[in-house]
Amino acid sequence: MIEASMPQTERPARKIRGRLSSPRFVSFFLVQGLGAANDNAFKIALSLFLLSNLPDEASQVRFASLAQFLFPLPFLLFSPLAGFLADRYGKGRMIFFTKFPEVLAMSLAIAAFGAGSSVLLMTALFLMALQSAFFSPVKYGLLPESLEPRDLSMGNGILQMTTNLSILLGTAAGVFIYERFDHRPEQIGITLLCAALVGTVAALYVPRTPA
């Protein structure tokens, strides 16, 4: 009788979860794989370009050191904000919007490679790092919210595998793209922009989660 008189609380709505084999998760792994590959391809192509075009060793060392400083900087400055936004809005929606800085960075890279501007290249590198800083908490937070518990360990394993594989492929691609377009460096930026656009389109189909 006591239990019957206690107020009933509403049950929380059950989250709709998917399976790893669904097209939405294939899109998710494609998005994050292309992003990781593009990051590393750009960094390698940028380094090779600077080594080939800067006039002296001192300039090469200076810009190489600047690049090493700029890439982790957005992670140090914006990671708390990135984590807040990843929870404030649905992670599927945030994945799509975090692709725009990458598109902007690669558009800038086209002009930077074409003009041979080290300053513009460093700016594009910072934008790429900024995109990665906002993408990371979304990427790692999406799987627990959208996978069945029995699939979560496998999903994490696939995420780590595809990330590391994409880093290796991106590093090799950066060397290949630079050698292929050595005399037309703006084509390096165009190639990387195409990869960013493909990732942006794929981001439209990743799993949707509530805020």
N, C-alpha and C. Protein backbone atom coordinates (compact mmCIF):
# COMPACT_ATOMS: atom_id res chain seq x y z
N MET A 1 0.83 -1.20 0.00
CA MET A 1 0.00 0.00 0.00
C MET A 1 0.86 1.25 0.00
N ILE A 2 1.97 1.16 0.74
CA ILE A 2 2.87 2.32 0.78
C ILE A 2 3.48 2.56 -0.60
N GLU A 3 3.88 1.44 -1.25
CA GLU A 3 4.48 1.58 -2.58
C GLU A 3 3.48 2.13 -3.57
N ALA A 4 2.21 1.71 -3.44
CA ALA A 4 1.20 2.16 -4.40
C ALA A 4 0.93 3.65 -4.27
N SER A 5 1.10 4.19 -3.05
CA SER A 5 0.81 5.60 -2.86
C SER A 5 1.96 6.52 -3.22
N MET A 6 3.12 5.94 -3.49
CA MET A 6 4.27 6.77 -3.84
C MET A 6 4.07 7.35 -5.23
N PRO A 7 4.49 8.60 -5.48
CA PRO A 7 4.32 9.20 -6.80
C PRO A 7 5.14 8.49 -7.84
N GLN A 8 4.56 8.33 -8.98
CA GLN A 8 5.23 7.67 -10.10
C GLN A 8 6.10 8.69 -10.83
N THR A 9 7.31 8.30 -11.11
CA THR A 9 8.21 9.17 -11.89
C THR A 9 8.24 8.67 -13.33
N GLU A 10 8.32 9.60 -14.24
CA GLU A 10 8.35 9.22 -15.64
C GLU A 10 9.68 8.58 -15.99
N ARG A 11 9.62 7.54 -16.78
CA ARG A 11 10.84 6.91 -17.24
C ARG A 11 11.48 7.76 -18.34
N PRO A 12 12.81 7.88 -18.31
CA PRO A 12 13.44 8.63 -19.39
C PRO A 12 13.25 7.94 -20.72
N ALA A 13 13.12 8.75 -21.74
CA ALA A 13 12.95 8.18 -23.08
C ALA A 13 14.15 7.35 -23.47
N ARG A 14 13.92 6.19 -24.02
CA ARG A 14 15.00 5.30 -24.43
C ARG A 14 15.69 5.86 -25.67
N LYS A 15 17.01 5.90 -25.59
CA LYS A 15 17.76 6.41 -26.73
C LYS A 15 17.73 5.39 -27.87
N ILE A 16 17.60 5.89 -29.04
CA ILE A 16 17.62 5.01 -30.21
C ILE A 16 19.07 4.75 -30.58
N ARG A 17 19.49 3.50 -30.50
CA ARG A 17 20.88 3.15 -30.77
C ARG A 17 20.97 2.32 -32.03
N GLY A 18 22.13 2.41 -32.67
CA GLY A 18 22.33 1.71 -33.93
C GLY A 18 23.36 0.61 -33.81
N ARG A 19 23.61 -0.05 -34.93
CA ARG A 19 24.62 -1.10 -35.01
C ARG A 19 25.79 -0.62 -35.84
N LEU A 20 26.95 -1.21 -35.58
CA LEU A 20 28.18 -0.78 -36.26
C LEU A 20 28.10 -0.97 -37.77
N SER A 21 27.30 -1.94 -38.20
CA SER A 21 27.22 -2.22 -39.64
C SER A 21 26.29 -1.28 -40.39
N SER A 22 25.64 -0.36 -39.69
CA SER A 22 24.69 0.53 -40.35
C SER A 22 25.43 1.57 -41.20
N PRO A 23 24.79 2.07 -42.26
CA PRO A 23 25.44 3.09 -43.11
C PRO A 23 25.84 4.35 -42.35
N ARG A 24 25.11 4.69 -41.29
CA ARG A 24 25.45 5.89 -40.53
C ARG A 24 26.79 5.75 -39.84
N PHE A 25 27.11 4.58 -39.33
CA PHE A 25 28.41 4.39 -38.70
C PHE A 25 29.52 4.28 -39.73
N VAL A 26 29.22 3.73 -40.89
CA VAL A 26 30.20 3.74 -41.98
C VAL A 26 30.55 5.18 -42.34
N SER A 27 29.53 6.04 -42.39
CA SER A 27 29.76 7.46 -42.67
C SER A 27 30.60 8.10 -41.58
N PHE A 28 30.33 7.76 -40.33
CA PHE A 28 31.09 8.33 -39.22
C PHE A 28 32.57 7.96 -39.32
N PHE A 29 32.86 6.69 -39.56
CA PHE A 29 34.26 6.27 -39.67
C PHE A 29 34.92 6.88 -40.91
N LEU A 30 34.15 7.10 -41.96
CA LEU A 30 34.69 7.75 -43.15
C LEU A 30 35.05 9.21 -42.84
N VAL A 31 34.17 9.89 -42.12
CA VAL A 31 34.41 11.30 -41.77
C VAL A 31 35.69 11.44 -40.95
N GLN A 32 35.78 10.66 -39.89
CA GLN A 32 36.93 10.81 -39.00
C GLN A 32 38.21 10.30 -39.66
N GLY A 33 38.10 9.29 -40.52
CA GLY A 33 39.28 8.80 -41.22
C GLY A 33 39.81 9.81 -42.22
N LEU A 34 38.91 10.40 -42.99
CA LEU A 34 39.34 11.43 -43.95
C LEU A 34 39.92 12.64 -43.23
N GLY A 35 39.34 13.00 -42.08
CA GLY A 35 39.86 14.14 -41.34
C GLY A 35 41.27 13.90 -40.85
N ALA A 36 41.52 12.72 -40.27
CA ALA A 36 42.86 12.39 -39.77
C ALA A 36 43.86 12.31 -40.92
N ALA A 37 43.46 11.72 -42.04
CA ALA A 37 44.35 11.62 -43.19
C ALA A 37 44.66 13.00 -43.76
N ASN A 38 43.65 13.86 -43.84
CA ASN A 38 43.84 15.20 -44.38
C ASN A 38 44.77 16.04 -43.50
N ASP A 39 44.60 15.92 -42.19
CA ASP A 39 45.48 16.63 -41.26
C ASP A 39 46.95 16.29 -41.54
N ASN A 40 47.22 15.01 -41.60
CA ASN A 40 48.61 14.58 -41.74
C ASN A 40 49.16 14.81 -43.15
N ALA A 41 48.31 14.66 -44.16
CA ALA A 41 48.76 14.94 -45.52
C ALA A 41 49.14 16.41 -45.66
N PHE A 42 48.32 17.28 -45.05
CA PHE A 42 48.62 18.72 -45.13
C PHE A 42 49.90 19.06 -44.38
N LYS A 43 50.08 18.50 -43.18
CA LYS A 43 51.28 18.80 -42.40
C LYS A 43 52.55 18.34 -43.14
N ILE A 44 52.51 17.16 -43.75
CA ILE A 44 53.68 16.66 -44.48
C ILE A 44 53.94 17.51 -45.72
N ALA A 45 52.88 17.80 -46.49
CA ALA A 45 53.05 18.61 -47.70
C ALA A 45 53.55 20.00 -47.35
N LEU A 46 53.03 20.58 -46.27
CA LEU A 46 53.48 21.90 -45.83
C LEU A 46 54.96 21.87 -45.45
N SER A 47 55.38 20.85 -44.70
CA SER A 47 56.78 20.76 -44.28
C SER A 47 57.70 20.63 -45.48
N LEU A 48 57.34 19.77 -46.43
CA LEU A 48 58.17 19.60 -47.62
C LEU A 48 58.22 20.87 -48.45
N PHE A 49 57.10 21.56 -48.53
CA PHE A 49 57.05 22.81 -49.29
C PHE A 49 57.95 23.86 -48.66
N LEU A 50 57.90 23.99 -47.34
CA LEU A 50 58.73 24.98 -46.66
C LEU A 50 60.21 24.65 -46.78
N LEU A 51 60.55 23.38 -46.66
CA LEU A 51 61.95 22.97 -46.79
C LEU A 51 62.49 23.25 -48.19
N SER A 52 61.62 23.16 -49.18
CA SER A 52 62.06 23.37 -50.56
C SER A 52 62.09 24.83 -50.96
N ASN A 53 61.28 25.66 -50.31
CA ASN A 53 61.10 27.03 -50.80
C ASN A 53 61.67 28.12 -49.90
N LEU A 54 61.94 27.81 -48.65
CA LEU A 54 62.55 28.83 -47.79
C LEU A 54 64.03 28.99 -48.14
N PRO A 55 64.54 30.20 -48.10
CA PRO A 55 65.86 30.47 -48.66
C PRO A 55 67.03 29.93 -47.85
N ASP A 56 66.89 29.79 -46.55
CA ASP A 56 68.05 29.40 -45.75
C ASP A 56 67.62 28.48 -44.61
N GLU A 57 68.59 27.86 -43.99
CA GLU A 57 68.31 26.88 -42.95
C GLU A 57 67.67 27.53 -41.72
N ALA A 58 68.06 28.75 -41.40
CA ALA A 58 67.49 29.43 -40.24
C ALA A 58 65.98 29.63 -40.41
N SER A 59 65.56 30.02 -41.61
CA SER A 59 64.13 30.20 -41.88
C SER A 59 63.39 28.88 -41.80
N GLN A 60 64.01 27.82 -42.30
CA GLN A 60 63.39 26.51 -42.25
C GLN A 60 63.16 26.06 -40.81
N VAL A 61 64.19 26.26 -39.97
CA VAL A 61 64.07 25.87 -38.57
C VAL A 61 63.01 26.71 -37.87
N ARG A 62 62.97 28.01 -38.17
CA ARG A 62 62.02 28.91 -37.53
C ARG A 62 60.58 28.52 -37.84
N PHE A 63 60.30 28.26 -39.12
CA PHE A 63 58.92 27.92 -39.48
C PHE A 63 58.56 26.50 -39.06
N ALA A 64 59.54 25.59 -39.05
CA ALA A 64 59.26 24.24 -38.56
C ALA A 64 58.92 24.28 -37.07
N SER A 65 59.63 25.10 -36.32
CA SER A 65 59.33 25.25 -34.89
C SER A 65 57.97 25.91 -34.68
N LEU A 66 57.66 26.89 -35.52
CA LEU A 66 56.36 27.55 -35.42
C LEU A 66 55.22 26.58 -35.69
N ALA A 67 55.42 25.71 -36.68
CA ALA A 67 54.40 24.70 -37.00
C ALA A 67 54.20 23.75 -35.82
N GLN A 68 55.30 23.33 -35.18
CA GLN A 68 55.19 22.45 -34.01
C GLN A 68 54.48 23.13 -32.85
N PHE A 69 54.57 24.45 -32.78
CA PHE A 69 53.91 25.20 -31.72
C PHE A 69 52.43 25.43 -32.03
N LEU A 70 52.13 25.72 -33.30
CA LEU A 70 50.77 26.11 -33.66
C LEU A 70 49.78 24.94 -33.59
N PHE A 71 50.22 23.74 -33.96
CA PHE A 71 49.24 22.65 -34.08
C PHE A 71 48.62 22.27 -32.74
N PRO A 72 49.40 22.12 -31.66
CA PRO A 72 48.72 21.78 -30.38
C PRO A 72 48.07 22.97 -29.69
N LEU A 73 48.34 24.19 -30.14
CA LEU A 73 47.83 25.37 -29.44
C LEU A 73 46.31 25.40 -29.32
N PRO A 74 45.53 25.13 -30.39
CA PRO A 74 44.06 25.14 -30.23
C PRO A 74 43.56 24.11 -29.23
N PHE A 75 44.26 22.97 -29.10
CA PHE A 75 43.84 21.97 -28.12
C PHE A 75 44.00 22.52 -26.70
N LEU A 76 45.05 23.29 -26.48
CA LEU A 76 45.29 23.87 -25.16
C LEU A 76 44.29 25.00 -24.85
N LEU A 77 43.94 25.77 -25.87
CA LEU A 77 43.10 26.94 -25.66
C LEU A 77 41.61 26.63 -25.67
N PHE A 78 41.19 25.70 -26.52
CA PHE A 78 39.75 25.56 -26.80
C PHE A 78 39.16 24.21 -26.41
N SER A 79 39.94 23.29 -25.85
CA SER A 79 39.37 21.98 -25.51
C SER A 79 38.21 22.07 -24.53
N PRO A 80 38.27 22.90 -23.46
CA PRO A 80 37.09 23.00 -22.58
C PRO A 80 35.84 23.48 -23.32
N LEU A 81 36.00 24.49 -24.17
CA LEU A 81 34.86 24.99 -24.94
C LEU A 81 34.35 23.92 -25.89
N ALA A 82 35.27 23.18 -26.51
CA ALA A 82 34.87 22.11 -27.43
C ALA A 82 34.08 21.04 -26.71
N GLY A 83 34.51 20.69 -25.50
CA GLY A 83 33.76 19.70 -24.73
C GLY A 83 32.39 20.20 -24.33
N PHE A 84 32.29 21.48 -23.98
CA PHE A 84 30.99 22.06 -23.63
C PHE A 84 30.03 22.01 -24.82
N LEU A 85 30.51 22.43 -25.99
CA LEU A 85 29.65 22.45 -27.18
C LEU A 85 29.26 21.04 -27.61
N ALA A 86 30.15 20.08 -27.39
CA ALA A 86 29.84 18.69 -27.77
C ALA A 86 28.65 18.15 -26.99
N ASP A 87 28.44 18.67 -25.76
CA ASP A 87 27.29 18.25 -24.97
C ASP A 87 26.10 19.20 -25.12
N ARG A 88 26.40 20.44 -25.44
CA ARG A 88 25.32 21.44 -25.56
C ARG A 88 24.46 21.16 -26.79
N TYR A 89 25.06 20.60 -27.83
CA TYR A 89 24.34 20.29 -29.07
C TYR A 89 24.54 18.81 -29.38
N GLY A 90 23.66 18.27 -30.22
CA GLY A 90 23.78 16.88 -30.61
C GLY A 90 25.10 16.63 -31.33
N LYS A 91 25.73 15.50 -31.02
CA LYS A 91 27.07 15.26 -31.56
C LYS A 91 27.06 15.01 -33.07
N GLY A 92 26.00 14.42 -33.58
CA GLY A 92 25.91 14.26 -35.02
C GLY A 92 25.87 15.60 -35.74
N ARG A 93 25.13 16.52 -35.15
CA ARG A 93 25.05 17.88 -35.71
C ARG A 93 26.40 18.60 -35.60
N MET A 94 27.08 18.42 -34.47
CA MET A 94 28.35 19.09 -34.27
C MET A 94 29.43 18.56 -35.22
N ILE A 95 29.38 17.27 -35.53
CA ILE A 95 30.36 16.72 -36.49
C ILE A 95 30.25 17.45 -37.82
N PHE A 96 29.03 17.70 -38.26
CA PHE A 96 28.85 18.39 -39.53
C PHE A 96 29.41 19.81 -39.47
N PHE A 97 29.09 20.52 -38.40
CA PHE A 97 29.53 21.92 -38.32
C PHE A 97 31.03 22.05 -38.08
N THR A 98 31.65 21.06 -37.46
CA THR A 98 33.10 21.15 -37.25
C THR A 98 33.89 20.89 -38.53
N LYS A 99 33.23 20.47 -39.58
CA LYS A 99 33.95 20.26 -40.84
C LYS A 99 34.20 21.57 -41.59
N PHE A 100 33.45 22.61 -41.28
CA PHE A 100 33.60 23.86 -42.02
C PHE A 100 34.97 24.52 -41.83
N PRO A 101 35.56 24.53 -40.61
CA PRO A 101 36.91 25.08 -40.51
C PRO A 101 37.93 24.32 -41.37
N GLU A 102 37.72 23.02 -41.56
CA GLU A 102 38.62 22.26 -42.42
C GLU A 102 38.49 22.71 -43.87
N VAL A 103 37.25 22.91 -44.32
CA VAL A 103 37.04 23.39 -45.68
C VAL A 103 37.66 24.77 -45.86
N LEU A 104 37.47 25.63 -44.86
CA LEU A 104 38.06 26.97 -44.91
C LEU A 104 39.58 26.90 -44.93
N ALA A 105 40.15 26.03 -44.11
CA ALA A 105 41.61 25.90 -44.05
C ALA A 105 42.18 25.42 -45.38
N MET A 106 41.53 24.46 -46.01
CA MET A 106 42.05 23.94 -47.28
C MET A 106 41.83 24.93 -48.42
N SER A 107 40.77 25.74 -48.34
CA SER A 107 40.58 26.81 -49.33
C SER A 107 41.69 27.83 -49.20
N LEU A 108 42.05 28.15 -47.96
CA LEU A 108 43.17 29.07 -47.73
C LEU A 108 44.48 28.46 -48.19
N ALA A 109 44.62 27.15 -48.02
CA ALA A 109 45.85 26.48 -48.42
C ALA A 109 46.08 26.56 -49.93
N ILE A 110 45.00 26.57 -50.70
CA ILE A 110 45.15 26.70 -52.15
C ILE A 110 45.86 28.01 -52.48
N ALA A 111 45.37 29.10 -51.88
CA ALA A 111 46.00 30.41 -52.11
C ALA A 111 47.40 30.45 -51.53
N ALA A 112 47.61 29.83 -50.36
CA ALA A 112 48.93 29.86 -49.71
C ALA A 112 49.98 29.11 -50.51
N PHE A 113 49.63 27.93 -51.00
CA PHE A 113 50.57 27.17 -51.81
C PHE A 113 50.85 27.90 -53.13
N GLY A 114 49.78 28.43 -53.73
CA GLY A 114 49.96 29.13 -55.00
C GLY A 114 50.84 30.36 -54.88
N ALA A 115 50.68 31.11 -53.77
CA ALA A 115 51.46 32.32 -53.57
C ALA A 115 52.80 32.06 -52.91
N GLY A 116 52.99 30.85 -52.42
CA GLY A 116 54.22 30.54 -51.70
C GLY A 116 54.34 31.29 -50.39
N SER A 117 53.21 31.56 -49.74
CA SER A 117 53.18 32.36 -48.52
C SER A 117 53.28 31.48 -47.29
N SER A 118 54.38 31.60 -46.56
CA SER A 118 54.55 30.83 -45.33
C SER A 118 53.56 31.27 -44.26
N VAL A 119 53.25 32.56 -44.22
CA VAL A 119 52.32 33.07 -43.22
C VAL A 119 50.92 32.50 -43.43
N LEU A 120 50.46 32.47 -44.68
CA LEU A 120 49.14 31.90 -44.97
C LEU A 120 49.12 30.40 -44.69
N LEU A 121 50.21 29.72 -44.96
CA LEU A 121 50.27 28.30 -44.66
C LEU A 121 50.18 28.04 -43.17
N MET A 122 50.84 28.87 -42.36
CA MET A 122 50.75 28.72 -40.91
C MET A 122 49.33 29.00 -40.42
N THR A 123 48.67 29.97 -41.07
CA THR A 123 47.28 30.27 -40.71
C THR A 123 46.37 29.09 -41.03
N ALA A 124 46.58 28.48 -42.20
CA ALA A 124 45.79 27.31 -42.57
C ALA A 124 46.06 26.15 -41.62
N LEU A 125 47.30 25.99 -41.19
CA LEU A 125 47.64 24.94 -40.23
C LEU A 125 46.92 25.16 -38.91
N PHE A 126 46.88 26.40 -38.45
CA PHE A 126 46.17 26.71 -37.20
C PHE A 126 44.68 26.39 -37.33
N LEU A 127 44.08 26.72 -38.48
CA LEU A 127 42.66 26.42 -38.68
C LEU A 127 42.41 24.91 -38.69
N MET A 128 43.32 24.15 -39.30
CA MET A 128 43.18 22.70 -39.28
C MET A 128 43.25 22.17 -37.86
N ALA A 129 44.18 22.69 -37.08
CA ALA A 129 44.29 22.25 -35.69
C ALA A 129 43.05 22.66 -34.89
N LEU A 130 42.51 23.84 -35.18
CA LEU A 130 41.30 24.29 -34.51
C LEU A 130 40.14 23.35 -34.80
N GLN A 131 40.03 22.94 -36.05
CA GLN A 131 38.98 21.98 -36.43
C GLN A 131 39.15 20.67 -35.66
N SER A 132 40.39 20.19 -35.56
CA SER A 132 40.65 18.93 -34.85
C SER A 132 40.31 19.05 -33.37
N ALA A 133 40.60 20.21 -32.79
CA ALA A 133 40.32 20.42 -31.36
C ALA A 133 38.83 20.34 -31.07
N PHE A 134 38.00 20.89 -31.95
CA PHE A 134 36.55 20.85 -31.73
C PHE A 134 35.95 19.52 -32.15
N PHE A 135 36.62 18.81 -33.06
CA PHE A 135 36.10 17.53 -33.54
C PHE A 135 36.37 16.40 -32.54
N SER A 136 37.48 16.46 -31.81
CA SER A 136 37.91 15.33 -30.98
C SER A 136 36.89 14.93 -29.91
N PRO A 137 36.37 15.85 -29.07
CA PRO A 137 35.40 15.41 -28.07
C PRO A 137 34.10 14.89 -28.67
N VAL A 138 33.75 15.41 -29.82
CA VAL A 138 32.54 14.92 -30.50
C VAL A 138 32.77 13.49 -30.99
N LYS A 139 33.94 13.28 -31.58
CA LYS A 139 34.26 11.96 -32.13
C LYS A 139 34.25 10.89 -31.04
N TYR A 140 34.87 11.16 -29.91
CA TYR A 140 34.96 10.16 -28.86
C TYR A 140 33.67 10.06 -28.04
N GLY A 141 32.85 11.09 -28.06
CA GLY A 141 31.61 11.04 -27.30
C GLY A 141 30.43 10.45 -28.05
N LEU A 142 30.55 10.37 -29.37
CA LEU A 142 29.42 9.90 -30.17
C LEU A 142 29.13 8.42 -29.96
N LEU A 143 30.17 7.60 -29.91
CA LEU A 143 29.95 6.16 -29.86
C LEU A 143 29.19 5.70 -28.62
N PRO A 144 29.54 6.15 -27.41
CA PRO A 144 28.77 5.69 -26.25
C PRO A 144 27.30 6.10 -26.29
N GLU A 145 27.00 7.19 -26.97
CA GLU A 145 25.62 7.66 -27.01
C GLU A 145 24.79 7.01 -28.12
N SER A 146 25.45 6.39 -29.08
CA SER A 146 24.71 5.93 -30.24
C SER A 146 24.87 4.44 -30.53
N LEU A 147 25.74 3.75 -29.79
CA LEU A 147 25.91 2.32 -29.98
C LEU A 147 25.26 1.52 -28.87
N GLU A 148 24.83 0.31 -29.20
CA GLU A 148 24.41 -0.63 -28.17
C GLU A 148 25.61 -0.97 -27.29
N PRO A 149 25.40 -1.15 -25.98
CA PRO A 149 26.54 -1.46 -25.10
C PRO A 149 27.38 -2.63 -25.58
N ARG A 150 26.76 -3.64 -26.17
CA ARG A 150 27.53 -4.80 -26.60
C ARG A 150 28.45 -4.48 -27.78
N ASP A 151 28.19 -3.37 -28.48
CA ASP A 151 29.01 -3.01 -29.63
C ASP A 151 30.06 -1.94 -29.31
N LEU A 152 30.05 -1.42 -28.08
CA LEU A 152 30.88 -0.26 -27.78
C LEU A 152 32.38 -0.58 -27.83
N SER A 153 32.80 -1.70 -27.26
CA SER A 153 34.22 -2.05 -27.29
C SER A 153 34.71 -2.24 -28.71
N MET A 154 33.92 -2.92 -29.52
CA MET A 154 34.29 -3.10 -30.92
C MET A 154 34.34 -1.76 -31.64
N GLY A 155 33.38 -0.88 -31.34
CA GLY A 155 33.38 0.44 -31.96
C GLY A 155 34.61 1.25 -31.61
N ASN A 156 35.00 1.21 -30.32
CA ASN A 156 36.22 1.91 -29.92
C ASN A 156 37.45 1.34 -30.62
N GLY A 157 37.48 0.02 -30.76
CA GLY A 157 38.61 -0.60 -31.45
C GLY A 157 38.69 -0.18 -32.91
N ILE A 158 37.53 -0.15 -33.58
CA ILE A 158 37.51 0.27 -34.98
C ILE A 158 37.90 1.74 -35.10
N LEU A 159 37.45 2.56 -34.15
CA LEU A 159 37.80 3.97 -34.17
C LEU A 159 39.31 4.17 -34.06
N GLN A 160 39.94 3.45 -33.13
CA GLN A 160 41.39 3.57 -32.98
C GLN A 160 42.12 3.04 -34.21
N MET A 161 41.65 1.92 -34.75
CA MET A 161 42.30 1.33 -35.92
C MET A 161 42.22 2.26 -37.12
N THR A 162 41.03 2.79 -37.38
CA THR A 162 40.87 3.66 -38.55
C THR A 162 41.62 4.97 -38.36
N THR A 163 41.71 5.47 -37.13
CA THR A 163 42.45 6.69 -36.89
C THR A 163 43.93 6.50 -37.19
N ASN A 164 44.52 5.44 -36.65
CA ASN A 164 45.94 5.20 -36.88
C ASN A 164 46.24 4.85 -38.33
N LEU A 165 45.35 4.07 -38.97
CA LEU A 165 45.53 3.76 -40.38
C LEU A 165 45.45 5.02 -41.22
N SER A 166 44.53 5.92 -40.88
CA SER A 166 44.38 7.17 -41.63
C SER A 166 45.61 8.06 -41.45
N ILE A 167 46.20 8.06 -40.26
CA ILE A 167 47.42 8.84 -40.04
C ILE A 167 48.55 8.33 -40.93
N LEU A 168 48.71 7.00 -41.01
CA LEU A 168 49.75 6.43 -41.86
C LEU A 168 49.49 6.73 -43.33
N LEU A 169 48.24 6.55 -43.77
CA LEU A 169 47.91 6.81 -45.17
C LEU A 169 48.04 8.30 -45.50
N GLY A 170 47.65 9.15 -44.57
CA GLY A 170 47.78 10.59 -44.79
C GLY A 170 49.22 11.03 -44.90
N THR A 171 50.09 10.45 -44.08
CA THR A 171 51.51 10.78 -44.15
C THR A 171 52.08 10.40 -45.52
N ALA A 172 51.75 9.19 -45.97
CA ALA A 172 52.22 8.76 -47.29
C ALA A 172 51.61 9.61 -48.40
N ALA A 173 50.32 9.95 -48.24
CA ALA A 173 49.65 10.77 -49.26
C ALA A 173 50.26 12.15 -49.34
N GLY A 174 50.67 12.71 -48.20
CA GLY A 174 51.28 14.03 -48.22
C GLY A 174 52.55 14.07 -49.06
N VAL A 175 53.37 13.02 -48.91
CA VAL A 175 54.60 12.93 -49.72
C VAL A 175 54.25 12.78 -51.19
N PHE A 176 53.29 11.90 -51.48
CA PHE A 176 52.91 11.66 -52.88
C PHE A 176 52.33 12.91 -53.53
N ILE A 177 51.43 13.59 -52.82
CA ILE A 177 50.79 14.78 -53.39
C ILE A 177 51.81 15.87 -53.65
N TYR A 178 52.74 16.03 -52.70
CA TYR A 178 53.76 17.08 -52.90
C TYR A 178 54.63 16.76 -54.12
N GLU A 179 55.07 15.51 -54.24
CA GLU A 179 55.91 15.14 -55.39
C GLU A 179 55.13 15.24 -56.70
N ARG A 180 53.86 14.89 -56.64
CA ARG A 180 53.04 14.92 -57.86
C ARG A 180 52.81 16.34 -58.35
N PHE A 181 52.62 17.28 -57.42
CA PHE A 181 52.28 18.66 -57.79
C PHE A 181 53.37 19.65 -57.38
N ASP A 182 54.60 19.20 -57.41
CA ASP A 182 55.71 20.05 -56.99
C ASP A 182 55.76 21.36 -57.78
N HIS A 183 55.48 21.29 -59.07
CA HIS A 183 55.56 22.48 -59.93
C HIS A 183 54.22 23.22 -60.03
N ARG A 184 53.17 22.67 -59.45
CA ARG A 184 51.87 23.33 -59.39
C ARG A 184 51.33 23.21 -57.97
N PRO A 185 51.96 23.89 -57.02
CA PRO A 185 51.64 23.65 -55.60
C PRO A 185 50.20 23.96 -55.22
N GLU A 186 49.52 24.83 -55.99
CA GLU A 186 48.12 25.10 -55.65
C GLU A 186 47.26 23.85 -55.78
N GLN A 187 47.71 22.89 -56.61
CA GLN A 187 46.97 21.64 -56.76
C GLN A 187 47.00 20.80 -55.49
N ILE A 188 48.03 21.02 -54.67
CA ILE A 188 48.07 20.33 -53.38
C ILE A 188 46.85 20.74 -52.55
N GLY A 189 46.62 22.05 -52.47
CA GLY A 189 45.47 22.54 -51.72
C GLY A 189 44.15 22.08 -52.31
N ILE A 190 44.06 22.05 -53.64
CA ILE A 190 42.82 21.61 -54.29
C ILE A 190 42.52 20.15 -53.95
N THR A 191 43.56 19.30 -53.98
CA THR A 191 43.37 17.89 -53.65
C THR A 191 42.88 17.72 -52.22
N LEU A 192 43.50 18.44 -51.30
CA LEU A 192 43.10 18.34 -49.90
C LEU A 192 41.72 18.94 -49.66
N LEU A 193 41.37 19.97 -50.40
CA LEU A 193 40.03 20.55 -50.29
C LEU A 193 38.99 19.54 -50.74
N CYS A 194 39.26 18.80 -51.79
CA CYS A 194 38.31 17.77 -52.25
C CYS A 194 38.06 16.73 -51.17
N ALA A 195 39.13 16.31 -50.49
CA ALA A 195 38.97 15.35 -49.40
C ALA A 195 38.13 15.94 -48.27
N ALA A 196 38.34 17.23 -47.97
CA ALA A 196 37.56 17.88 -46.92
C ALA A 196 36.08 17.96 -47.31
N LEU A 197 35.80 18.22 -48.57
CA LEU A 197 34.41 18.31 -49.03
C LEU A 197 33.72 16.95 -48.98
N VAL A 198 34.44 15.89 -49.35
CA VAL A 198 33.87 14.55 -49.25
C VAL A 198 33.52 14.23 -47.80
N GLY A 199 34.43 14.58 -46.88
CA GLY A 199 34.15 14.36 -45.46
C GLY A 199 32.96 15.16 -44.97
N THR A 200 32.80 16.38 -45.48
CA THR A 200 31.68 17.22 -45.08
C THR A 200 30.35 16.62 -45.54
N VAL A 201 30.33 16.09 -46.76
CA VAL A 201 29.11 15.44 -47.26
C VAL A 201 28.81 14.21 -46.44
N ALA A 202 29.84 13.40 -46.14
CA ALA A 202 29.63 12.19 -45.34
C ALA A 202 29.11 12.53 -43.95
N ALA A 203 29.49 13.71 -43.44
CA ALA A 203 29.04 14.12 -42.10
C ALA A 203 27.53 14.32 -42.01
N LEU A 204 26.88 14.49 -43.15
CA LEU A 204 25.42 14.63 -43.15
C LEU A 204 24.72 13.35 -42.75
N TYR A 205 25.43 12.20 -42.81
CA TYR A 205 24.79 10.90 -42.62
C TYR A 205 25.25 10.19 -41.36
N VAL A 206 26.03 10.85 -40.50
CA VAL A 206 26.48 10.20 -39.27
C VAL A 206 25.31 10.05 -38.31
N PRO A 207 25.43 9.18 -37.29
CA PRO A 207 24.31 9.01 -36.34
C PRO A 207 23.93 10.31 -35.66
N ARG A 208 22.66 10.48 -35.44
CA ARG A 208 22.14 11.65 -34.76
C ARG A 208 21.87 11.33 -33.30
N THR A 209 22.33 12.20 -32.41
CA THR A 209 22.10 12.02 -30.99
C THR A 209 21.49 13.29 -30.40
N PRO A 210 20.73 13.17 -29.33
CA PRO A 210 20.17 14.38 -28.71
C PRO A 210 21.25 15.15 -27.97
N ALA A 211 20.99 16.42 -27.71
CA ALA A 211 21.93 17.24 -26.94
C ALA A 211 22.06 16.68 -25.53
